[in-house]
Amino acid sequence: MADFIIKKAVSDWAHKRKPKLSVSSETYKELNKRIEALLKAAAERAEANKRKTIMAHDL
């Protein structure tokens, strides 16, 4: 599985919340899985529309 997220960015975002939050390692794995599924679906939609470019509305 590819890494689609920057762990530091996710962690920084969580730490800026009120109250300050931590992020578990399982959260990073699940985020990557969900992003991969989202991108796969978007790619399939682009291909179904005979395009080679994934566009925002494919998401």
PDB file of N, CA and C in Angstrom:
ATOM      1  N   MET A   1       0.834  -1.178   0.000  1.00  0.00           N
ATOM      2  CA  MET A   1       0.000   0.000   0.000  1.00  0.00           C
ATOM      3  C   MET A   1       0.883   1.247   0.000  1.00  0.00           C
ATOM      4  N   ALA A   2       0.496   2.208  -0.777  1.00  0.00           N
ATOM      5  CA  ALA A   2       1.236   3.468  -0.856  1.00  0.00           C
ATOM      6  C   ALA A   2       0.873   4.353   0.330  1.00  0.00           C
ATOM      7  N   ASP A   3       1.784   5.235   0.687  1.00  0.00           N
ATOM      8  CA  ASP A   3       1.489   6.234   1.716  1.00  0.00           C
ATOM      9  C   ASP A   3       0.998   7.486   1.017  1.00  0.00           C
ATOM     10  N   PHE A   4      -0.266   7.826   1.239  1.00  0.00           N
ATOM     11  CA  PHE A   4      -0.870   8.986   0.612  1.00  0.00           C
ATOM     12  C   PHE A   4      -0.895  10.193   1.535  1.00  0.00           C
ATOM     13  N   ILE A   5      -0.611   9.971   2.804  1.00  0.00           N
ATOM     14  CA  ILE A   5      -0.687  11.075   3.753  1.00  0.00           C
ATOM     15  C   ILE A   5       0.691  11.404   4.310  1.00  0.00           C
ATOM     16  N   ILE A   6       0.801  12.593   4.837  1.00  0.00           N
ATOM     17  CA  ILE A   6       2.004  13.013   5.549  1.00  0.00           C
ATOM     18  C   ILE A   6       1.645  12.958   7.034  1.00  0.00           C
ATOM     19  N   LYS A   7       2.239  11.991   7.710  1.00  0.00           N
ATOM     20  CA  LYS A   7       1.885  11.755   9.110  1.00  0.00           C
ATOM     21  C   LYS A   7       2.080  13.002   9.965  1.00  0.00           C
ATOM     22  N   LYS A   8       3.142  13.734   9.716  1.00  0.00           N
ATOM     23  CA  LYS A   8       3.426  14.948  10.493  1.00  0.00           C
ATOM     24  C   LYS A   8       2.308  15.974  10.317  1.00  0.00           C
ATOM     25  N   ALA A   9       1.791  16.117   9.115  1.00  0.00           N
ATOM     26  CA  ALA A   9       0.713  17.073   8.864  1.00  0.00           C
ATOM     27  C   ALA A   9      -0.558  16.669   9.613  1.00  0.00           C
ATOM     28  N   VAL A  10      -0.860  15.378   9.624  1.00  0.00           N
ATOM     29  CA  VAL A  10      -2.043  14.887  10.342  1.00  0.00           C
ATOM     30  C   VAL A  10      -1.854  15.101  11.843  1.00  0.00           C
ATOM     31  N   SER A  11      -0.680  14.762  12.330  1.00  0.00           N
ATOM     32  CA  SER A  11      -0.377  14.933  13.745  1.00  0.00           C
ATOM     33  C   SER A  11      -0.439  16.404  14.155  1.00  0.00           C
ATOM     34  N   ASP A  12       0.156  17.279  13.353  1.00  0.00           N
ATOM     35  CA  ASP A  12       0.119  18.723  13.646  1.00  0.00           C
ATOM     36  C   ASP A  12      -1.312  19.238  13.694  1.00  0.00           C
ATOM     37  N   TRP A  13      -2.133  18.777  12.747  1.00  0.00           N
ATOM     38  CA  TRP A  13      -3.541  19.185  12.721  1.00  0.00           C
ATOM     39  C   TRP A  13      -4.240  18.771  14.016  1.00  0.00           C
ATOM     40  N   ALA A  14      -4.017  17.542  14.442  1.00  0.00           N
ATOM     41  CA  ALA A  14      -4.653  17.036  15.659  1.00  0.00           C
ATOM     42  C   ALA A  14      -4.177  17.790  16.899  1.00  0.00           C
ATOM     43  N   HIS A  15      -2.903  18.146  16.923  1.00  0.00           N
ATOM     44  CA  HIS A  15      -2.353  18.851  18.084  1.00  0.00           C
ATOM     45  C   HIS A  15      -2.866  20.279  18.187  1.00  0.00           C
ATOM     46  N   LYS A  16      -3.299  20.859  17.081  1.00  0.00           N
ATOM     47  CA  LYS A  16      -3.805  22.240  17.099  1.00  0.00           C
ATOM     48  C   LYS A  16      -5.263  22.312  17.536  1.00  0.00           C
ATOM     49  N   ARG A  17      -5.912  21.159  17.624  1.00  0.00           N
ATOM     50  CA  ARG A  17      -7.316  21.125  18.024  1.00  0.00           C
ATOM     51  C   ARG A  17      -7.450  21.467  19.506  1.00  0.00           C
ATOM     52  N   LYS A  18      -8.615  21.885  19.877  1.00  0.00           N
ATOM     53  CA  LYS A  18      -8.919  22.125  21.281  1.00  0.00           C
ATOM     54  C   LYS A  18     -10.013  21.154  21.680  1.00  0.00           C
ATOM     55  N   PRO A  19      -9.781  20.195  22.538  1.00  0.00           N
ATOM     56  CA  PRO A  19      -8.515  19.904  23.197  1.00  0.00           C
ATOM     57  C   PRO A  19      -7.517  19.238  22.252  1.00  0.00           C
ATOM     58  N   LYS A  20      -6.256  19.345  22.622  1.00  0.00           N
ATOM     59  CA  LYS A  20      -5.178  18.737  21.840  1.00  0.00           C
ATOM     60  C   LYS A  20      -5.393  17.225  21.756  1.00  0.00           C
ATOM     61  N   LEU A  21      -5.254  16.684  20.548  1.00  0.00           N
ATOM     62  CA  LEU A  21      -5.463  15.253  20.328  1.00  0.00           C
ATOM     63  C   LEU A  21      -4.190  14.585  19.836  1.00  0.00           C
ATOM     64  N   SER A  22      -4.113  13.288  20.039  1.00  0.00           N
ATOM     65  CA  SER A  22      -3.042  12.465  19.491  1.00  0.00           C
ATOM     66  C   SER A  22      -3.630  11.595  18.391  1.00  0.00           C
ATOM     67  N   VAL A  23      -2.772  11.016  17.552  1.00  0.00           N
ATOM     68  CA  VAL A  23      -3.219  10.176  16.445  1.00  0.00           C
ATOM     69  C   VAL A  23      -2.549   8.808  16.580  1.00  0.00           C
ATOM     70  N   SER A  24      -3.351   7.751  16.567  1.00  0.00           N
ATOM     71  CA  SER A  24      -2.796   6.414  16.690  1.00  0.00           C
ATOM     72  C   SER A  24      -2.248   5.940  15.343  1.00  0.00           C
ATOM     73  N   SER A  25      -1.365   4.968  15.380  1.00  0.00           N
ATOM     74  CA  SER A  25      -0.781   4.437  14.150  1.00  0.00           C
ATOM     75  C   SER A  25      -1.843   3.770  13.279  1.00  0.00           C
ATOM     76  N   GLU A  26      -2.868   3.193  13.908  1.00  0.00           N
ATOM     77  CA  GLU A  26      -3.955   2.582  13.143  1.00  0.00           C
ATOM     78  C   GLU A  26      -4.726   3.630  12.343  1.00  0.00           C
ATOM     79  N   THR A  27      -4.794   4.851  12.859  1.00  0.00           N
ATOM     80  CA  THR A  27      -5.485   5.932  12.162  1.00  0.00           C
ATOM     81  C   THR A  27      -4.797   6.245  10.844  1.00  0.00           C
ATOM     82  N   TYR A  28      -3.476   6.283  10.841  1.00  0.00           N
ATOM     83  CA  TYR A  28      -2.727   6.553   9.605  1.00  0.00           C
ATOM     84  C   TYR A  28      -2.988   5.454   8.571  1.00  0.00           C
ATOM     85  N   LYS A  29      -2.997   4.210   9.025  1.00  0.00           N
ATOM     86  CA  LYS A  29      -3.255   3.084   8.117  1.00  0.00           C
ATOM     87  C   LYS A  29      -4.649   3.191   7.506  1.00  0.00           C
ATOM     88  N   GLU A  30      -5.636   3.521   8.329  1.00  0.00           N
ATOM     89  CA  GLU A  30      -7.016   3.627   7.848  1.00  0.00           C
ATOM     90  C   GLU A  30      -7.172   4.818   6.902  1.00  0.00           C
ATOM     91  N   LEU A  31      -6.536   5.934   7.210  1.00  0.00           N
ATOM     92  CA  LEU A  31      -6.573   7.090   6.306  1.00  0.00           C
ATOM     93  C   LEU A  31      -6.015   6.724   4.939  1.00  0.00           C
ATOM     94  N   ASN A  32      -4.894   6.032   4.923  1.00  0.00           N
ATOM     95  CA  ASN A  32      -4.300   5.612   3.652  1.00  0.00           C
ATOM     96  C   ASN A  32      -5.239   4.685   2.877  1.00  0.00           C
ATOM     97  N   LYS A  33      -5.891   3.753   3.570  1.00  0.00           N
ATOM     98  CA  LYS A  33      -6.815   2.836   2.898  1.00  0.00           C
ATOM     99  C   LYS A  33      -7.996   3.597   2.292  1.00  0.00           C
ATOM    100  N   ARG A  34      -8.534   4.548   3.047  1.00  0.00           N
ATOM    101  CA  ARG A  34      -9.686   5.308   2.550  1.00  0.00           C
ATOM    102  C   ARG A  34      -9.313   6.211   1.377  1.00  0.00           C
ATOM    103  N   ILE A  35      -8.145   6.820   1.443  1.00  0.00           N
ATOM    104  CA  ILE A  35      -7.703   7.667   0.329  1.00  0.00           C
ATOM    105  C   ILE A  35      -7.468   6.818  -0.910  1.00  0.00           C
ATOM    106  N   GLU A  36      -6.862   5.643  -0.734  1.00  0.00           N
ATOM    107  CA  GLU A  36      -6.635   4.752  -1.869  1.00  0.00           C
ATOM    108  C   GLU A  36      -7.969   4.344  -2.514  1.00  0.00           C
ATOM    109  N   ALA A  37      -8.964   4.022  -1.697  1.00  0.00           N
ATOM    110  CA  ALA A  37     -10.278   3.653  -2.229  1.00  0.00           C
ATOM    111  C   ALA A  37     -10.922   4.822  -2.962  1.00  0.00           C
ATOM    112  N   LEU A  38     -10.793   6.013  -2.417  1.00  0.00           N
ATOM    113  CA  LEU A  38     -11.341   7.215  -3.047  1.00  0.00           C
ATOM    114  C   LEU A  38     -10.682   7.462  -4.393  1.00  0.00           C
ATOM    115  N   LEU A  39      -9.361   7.340  -4.447  1.00  0.00           N
ATOM    116  CA  LEU A  39      -8.639   7.548  -5.700  1.00  0.00           C
ATOM    117  C   LEU A  39      -8.972   6.476  -6.733  1.00  0.00           C
ATOM    118  N   LYS A  40      -9.122   5.239  -6.279  1.00  0.00           N
ATOM    119  CA  LYS A  40      -9.476   4.156  -7.200  1.00  0.00           C
ATOM    120  C   LYS A  40     -10.841   4.418  -7.833  1.00  0.00           C
ATOM    121  N   ALA A  41     -11.810   4.803  -7.012  1.00  0.00           N
ATOM    122  CA  ALA A  41     -13.144   5.104  -7.525  1.00  0.00           C
ATOM    123  C   ALA A  41     -13.102   6.286  -8.488  1.00  0.00           C
ATOM    124  N   ALA A  42     -12.319   7.296  -8.161  1.00  0.00           N
ATOM    125  CA  ALA A  42     -12.198   8.468  -9.036  1.00  0.00           C
ATOM    126  C   ALA A  42     -11.552   8.090 -10.363  1.00  0.00           C
ATOM    127  N   ALA A  43     -10.544   7.231 -10.320  1.00  0.00           N
ATOM    128  CA  ALA A  43      -9.879   6.777 -11.548  1.00  0.00           C
ATOM    129  C   ALA A  43     -10.848   5.992 -12.423  1.00  0.00           C
ATOM    130  N   GLU A  44     -11.629   5.135 -11.808  1.00  0.00           N
ATOM    131  CA  GLU A  44     -12.611   4.353 -12.564  1.00  0.00           C
ATOM    132  C   GLU A  44     -13.656   5.255 -13.209  1.00  0.00           C
ATOM    133  N   ARG A  45     -14.067   6.309 -12.502  1.00  0.00           N
ATOM    134  CA  ARG A  45     -15.048   7.245 -13.060  1.00  0.00           C
ATOM    135  C   ARG A  45     -14.447   8.002 -14.246  1.00  0.00           C
ATOM    136  N   ALA A  46     -13.193   8.439 -14.091  1.00  0.00           N
ATOM    137  CA  ALA A  46     -12.524   9.153 -15.190  1.00  0.00           C
ATOM    138  C   ALA A  46     -12.409   8.246 -16.416  1.00  0.00           C
ATOM    139  N   GLU A  47     -12.000   7.008 -16.209  1.00  0.00           N
ATOM    140  CA  GLU A  47     -11.869   6.057 -17.317  1.00  0.00           C
ATOM    141  C   GLU A  47     -13.215   5.769 -17.965  1.00  0.00           C
ATOM    142  N   ALA A  48     -14.267   5.667 -17.161  1.00  0.00           N
ATOM    143  CA  ALA A  48     -15.603   5.415 -17.696  1.00  0.00           C
ATOM    144  C   ALA A  48     -16.079   6.573 -18.568  1.00  0.00           C
ATOM    145  N   ASN A  49     -15.573   7.764 -18.272  1.00  0.00           N
ATOM    146  CA  ASN A  49     -15.913   8.951 -19.048  1.00  0.00           C
ATOM    147  C   ASN A  49     -14.878   9.227 -20.135  1.00  0.00           C
ATOM    148  N   LYS A  50     -14.056   8.220 -20.426  1.00  0.00           N
ATOM    149  CA  LYS A  50     -13.045   8.274 -21.487  1.00  0.00           C
ATOM    150  C   LYS A  50     -12.059   9.437 -21.313  1.00  0.00           C
ATOM    151  N   ARG A  51     -11.662   9.640 -20.047  1.00  0.00           N
ATOM    152  CA  ARG A  51     -10.654  10.661 -19.742  1.00  0.00           C
ATOM    153  C   ARG A  51      -9.443   9.996 -19.113  1.00  0.00           C
ATOM    154  N   LYS A  52      -8.303  10.624 -19.267  1.00  0.00           N
ATOM    155  CA  LYS A  52      -7.072  10.145 -18.649  1.00  0.00           C
ATOM    156  C   LYS A  52      -6.674  11.027 -17.472  1.00  0.00           C
ATOM    157  N   THR A  53      -7.551  11.946 -17.124  1.00  0.00           N
ATOM    158  CA  THR A  53      -7.275  12.874 -16.039  1.00  0.00           C
ATOM    159  C   THR A  53      -8.355  12.742 -14.966  1.00  0.00           C
ATOM    160  N   ILE A  54      -7.919  12.551 -13.733  1.00  0.00           N
ATOM    161  CA  ILE A  54      -8.850  12.542 -12.607  1.00  0.00           C
ATOM    162  C   ILE A  54      -9.119  13.989 -12.249  1.00  0.00           C
ATOM    163  N   MET A  55     -10.401  14.332 -12.197  1.00  0.00           N
ATOM    164  CA  MET A  55     -10.801  15.697 -11.876  1.00  0.00           C
ATOM    165  C   MET A  55     -11.520  15.724 -10.532  1.00  0.00           C
ATOM    166  N   ALA A  56     -11.633  16.904  -9.970  1.00  0.00           N
ATOM    167  CA  ALA A  56     -12.239  17.049  -8.647  1.00  0.00           C
ATOM    168  C   ALA A  56     -13.635  16.430  -8.592  1.00  0.00           C
ATOM    169  N   HIS A  57     -14.407  16.574  -9.638  1.00  0.00           N
ATOM    170  CA  HIS A  57     -15.769  16.036  -9.595  1.00  0.00           C
ATOM    171  C   HIS A  57     -15.794  14.503  -9.682  1.00  0.00           C
ATOM    172  N   ASP A  58     -14.677  13.870  -9.975  1.00  0.00           N
ATOM    173  CA  ASP A  58     -14.603  12.412  -9.927  1.00  0.00           C
ATOM    174  C   ASP A  58     -14.560  11.903  -8.486  1.00  0.00           C
ATOM    175  N   LEU A  59     -14.119  12.764  -7.584  1.00  0.00           N
ATOM    176  CA  LEU A  59     -14.042  12.376  -6.187  1.00  0.00           C
ATOM    177  C   LEU A  59     -15.411  12.334  -5.564  1.00  0.00           C
TER     178      LEU A  59
END
